Amino acid sequence: MGTFALPFFLDGTNKLRPPIGIRAVTVRNLLVFDATQIAVQWWNCISCEWFGGGVYQGRGTTDAIVVGGPLAEKNWIEADIDWLASYVARGAMRAR
């Protein structure tokens, strides 16, 4: 609680040769409280999913979640998240 800048961070940036990015990670019932920067960040993730749980911002959290990167696509999140306090890159998520 409040001791990590990015408590849950997936970064596929360095995986540029096929298969690129981080692929097909499934997360269930993840709860993140009071990060010191961004609570959850998925960068260059492809077809990753999150079901249940949520993000609860504290006094130092700048963004609830960030999903993006040039490789990001087809991700899905069904969790309790403040979407207005989040950044999701265009095309990073599957259509709802």
C-alpha atoms as a PDB file:
ATOM      1  CA  MET A   1       0.000   0.000   0.000  1.00  0.00           C
ATOM      2  CA  GLY A   2       1.602   3.191  -1.232  1.00  0.00           C
ATOM      3  CA  THR A   3       5.136   1.800  -1.363  1.00  0.00           C
ATOM      4  CA  PHE A   4       5.439   1.000  -5.059  1.00  0.00           C
ATOM      5  CA  ALA A   5       5.295   3.492  -7.938  1.00  0.00           C
ATOM      6  CA  LEU A   6       3.864   0.820 -10.281  1.00  0.00           C
ATOM      7  CA  PRO A   7       2.521  -2.109  -8.221  1.00  0.00           C
ATOM      8  CA  PHE A   8       1.426  -4.159 -11.267  1.00  0.00           C
ATOM      9  CA  PHE A   9       3.460  -3.523 -14.417  1.00  0.00           C
ATOM     10  CA  LEU A  10       3.586  -5.591 -17.589  1.00  0.00           C
ATOM     11  CA  ASP A  11       6.038  -4.293 -20.207  1.00  0.00           C
ATOM     12  CA  GLY A  12       6.557  -6.008 -23.543  1.00  0.00           C
ATOM     13  CA  THR A  13       8.725  -3.228 -24.978  1.00  0.00           C
ATOM     14  CA  ASN A  14      11.888  -5.302 -25.347  1.00  0.00           C
ATOM     15  CA  LYS A  15      10.140  -8.166 -27.143  1.00  0.00           C
ATOM     16  CA  LEU A  16      10.221  -6.760 -30.679  1.00  0.00           C
ATOM     17  CA  ARG A  17      10.965  -9.968 -32.585  1.00  0.00           C
ATOM     18  CA  PRO A  18       8.056 -12.361 -33.208  1.00  0.00           C
ATOM     19  CA  PRO A  19       6.124 -13.079 -31.151  1.00  0.00           C
ATOM     20  CA  ILE A  20       6.174  -9.408 -30.158  1.00  0.00           C
ATOM     21  CA  GLY A  21       5.045  -7.848 -26.888  1.00  0.00           C
ATOM     22  CA  ILE A  22       3.552  -9.628 -23.889  1.00  0.00           C
ATOM     23  CA  ARG A  23       0.710 -11.905 -24.950  1.00  0.00           C
ATOM     24  CA  ALA A  24      -2.308 -13.620 -23.415  1.00  0.00           C
ATOM     25  CA  VAL A  25      -1.810 -12.922 -19.711  1.00  0.00           C
ATOM     26  CA  THR A  26      -4.992 -13.458 -17.651  1.00  0.00           C
ATOM     27  CA  VAL A  27      -5.377 -11.817 -14.245  1.00  0.00           C
ATOM     28  CA  ARG A  28      -8.205 -12.642 -11.834  1.00  0.00           C
ATOM     29  CA  ASN A  29      -9.313 -10.788  -8.708  1.00  0.00           C
ATOM     30  CA  LEU A  30      -6.342  -8.413  -8.554  1.00  0.00           C
ATOM     31  CA  LEU A  31      -6.768  -5.564  -6.036  1.00  0.00           C
ATOM     32  CA  VAL A  32      -4.357  -2.627  -6.085  1.00  0.00           C
ATOM     33  CA  PHE A  33      -4.494   0.075  -3.374  1.00  0.00           C
ATOM     34  CA  ASP A  34      -2.741   3.444  -3.113  1.00  0.00           C
ATOM     35  CA  ALA A  35       0.158   3.299  -5.554  1.00  0.00           C
ATOM     36  CA  THR A  36       2.677   6.125  -5.453  1.00  0.00           C
ATOM     37  CA  GLN A  37       2.339   6.740  -9.198  1.00  0.00           C
ATOM     38  CA  ILE A  38       0.295   4.562 -11.586  1.00  0.00           C
ATOM     39  CA  ALA A  39      -1.585   1.663 -10.005  1.00  0.00           C
ATOM     40  CA  VAL A  40      -1.552  -0.681 -13.013  1.00  0.00           C
ATOM     41  CA  GLN A  41       0.301  -0.311 -16.303  1.00  0.00           C
ATOM     42  CA  TRP A  42       0.161  -2.625 -19.298  1.00  0.00           C
ATOM     43  CA  TRP A  43       2.626  -1.513 -21.954  1.00  0.00           C
ATOM     44  CA  ASN A  44       2.854  -3.274 -25.318  1.00  0.00           C
ATOM     45  CA  CYS A  45       0.474  -6.036 -24.222  1.00  0.00           C
ATOM     46  CA  ILE A  46      -1.570  -8.050 -26.699  1.00  0.00           C
ATOM     47  CA  SER A  47      -4.733  -9.990 -25.792  1.00  0.00           C
ATOM     48  CA  CYS A  48      -4.275  -9.661 -22.027  1.00  0.00           C
ATOM     49  CA  GLU A  49      -7.354  -9.914 -19.789  1.00  0.00           C
ATOM     50  CA  TRP A  50      -8.279  -8.849 -16.257  1.00  0.00           C
ATOM     51  CA  PHE A  51     -11.418 -10.135 -14.509  1.00  0.00           C
ATOM     52  CA  GLY A  52     -12.508  -9.061 -11.007  1.00  0.00           C
ATOM     53  CA  GLY A  53     -10.809  -6.959  -8.386  1.00  0.00           C
ATOM     54  CA  GLY A  54     -10.008  -3.328  -9.043  1.00  0.00           C
ATOM     55  CA  VAL A  55      -7.867  -0.265  -8.501  1.00  0.00           C
ATOM     56  CA  TYR A  56      -8.370   2.056  -5.555  1.00  0.00           C
ATOM     57  CA  GLN A  57      -6.365   5.247  -5.813  1.00  0.00           C
ATOM     58  CA  GLY A  58      -4.658   6.805  -2.833  1.00  0.00           C
ATOM     59  CA  ARG A  59      -3.255  10.248  -2.238  1.00  0.00           C
ATOM     60  CA  GLY A  60      -0.196   9.735  -4.455  1.00  0.00           C
ATOM     61  CA  THR A  61      -1.715   7.816  -7.354  1.00  0.00           C
ATOM     62  CA  THR A  62      -1.569   9.841 -10.570  1.00  0.00           C
ATOM     63  CA  ASP A  63      -3.458   7.391 -12.823  1.00  0.00           C
ATOM     64  CA  ALA A  64      -5.620   4.381 -12.011  1.00  0.00           C
ATOM     65  CA  ILE A  65      -4.485   2.386 -15.036  1.00  0.00           C
ATOM     66  CA  VAL A  66      -2.459   2.973 -18.178  1.00  0.00           C
ATOM     67  CA  VAL A  67      -2.828   0.673 -21.172  1.00  0.00           C
ATOM     68  CA  GLY A  68      -0.816   1.596 -24.235  1.00  0.00           C
ATOM     69  CA  GLY A  69       2.312   1.349 -26.304  1.00  0.00           C
ATOM     70  CA  PRO A  70       2.699   0.880 -30.063  1.00  0.00           C
ATOM     71  CA  LEU A  71       2.072  -2.889 -29.821  1.00  0.00           C
ATOM     72  CA  ALA A  72      -0.964  -2.739 -27.492  1.00  0.00           C
ATOM     73  CA  GLU A  73      -4.147  -4.286 -28.892  1.00  0.00           C
ATOM     74  CA  LYS A  74      -7.060  -6.629 -28.089  1.00  0.00           C
ATOM     75  CA  ASN A  75      -6.832  -6.233 -24.289  1.00  0.00           C
ATOM     76  CA  TRP A  76      -9.882  -6.602 -22.027  1.00  0.00           C
ATOM     77  CA  ILE A  77     -10.559  -5.341 -18.492  1.00  0.00           C
ATOM     78  CA  GLU A  78     -13.601  -6.159 -16.355  1.00  0.00           C
ATOM     79  CA  ALA A  79     -12.622  -4.752 -12.962  1.00  0.00           C
ATOM     80  CA  ASP A  80     -13.586  -1.853 -10.689  1.00  0.00           C
ATOM     81  CA  ILE A  81     -11.552   0.973 -12.226  1.00  0.00           C
ATOM     82  CA  ASP A  82     -11.994   4.727 -12.400  1.00  0.00           C
ATOM     83  CA  TRP A  83     -11.819   5.014 -16.182  1.00  0.00           C
ATOM     84  CA  LEU A  84     -11.864   8.828 -15.994  1.00  0.00           C
ATOM     85  CA  ALA A  85      -8.610   8.742 -13.993  1.00  0.00           C
ATOM     86  CA  SER A  86      -7.014   6.320 -16.473  1.00  0.00           C
ATOM     87  CA  TYR A  87      -5.249   6.469 -19.819  1.00  0.00           C
ATOM     88  CA  VAL A  88      -6.065   3.891 -22.473  1.00  0.00           C
ATOM     89  CA  ALA A  89      -4.431   4.282 -25.864  1.00  0.00           C
ATOM     90  CA  ARG A  90      -6.629   4.187 -28.919  1.00  0.00           C
ATOM     91  CA  GLY A  91      -6.851   0.643 -30.270  1.00  0.00           C
ATOM     92  CA  ALA A  92      -5.345  -0.936 -27.129  1.00  0.00           C
ATOM     93  CA  MET A  93      -8.633  -2.564 -26.030  1.00  0.00           C
ATOM     94  CA  ARG A  94     -11.094  -4.884 -27.758  1.00  0.00           C
ATOM     95  CA  ALA A  95     -14.405  -3.274 -28.632  1.00  0.00           C
ATOM     96  CA  ARG A  96     -17.040  -3.673 -25.923  1.00  0.00           C
END
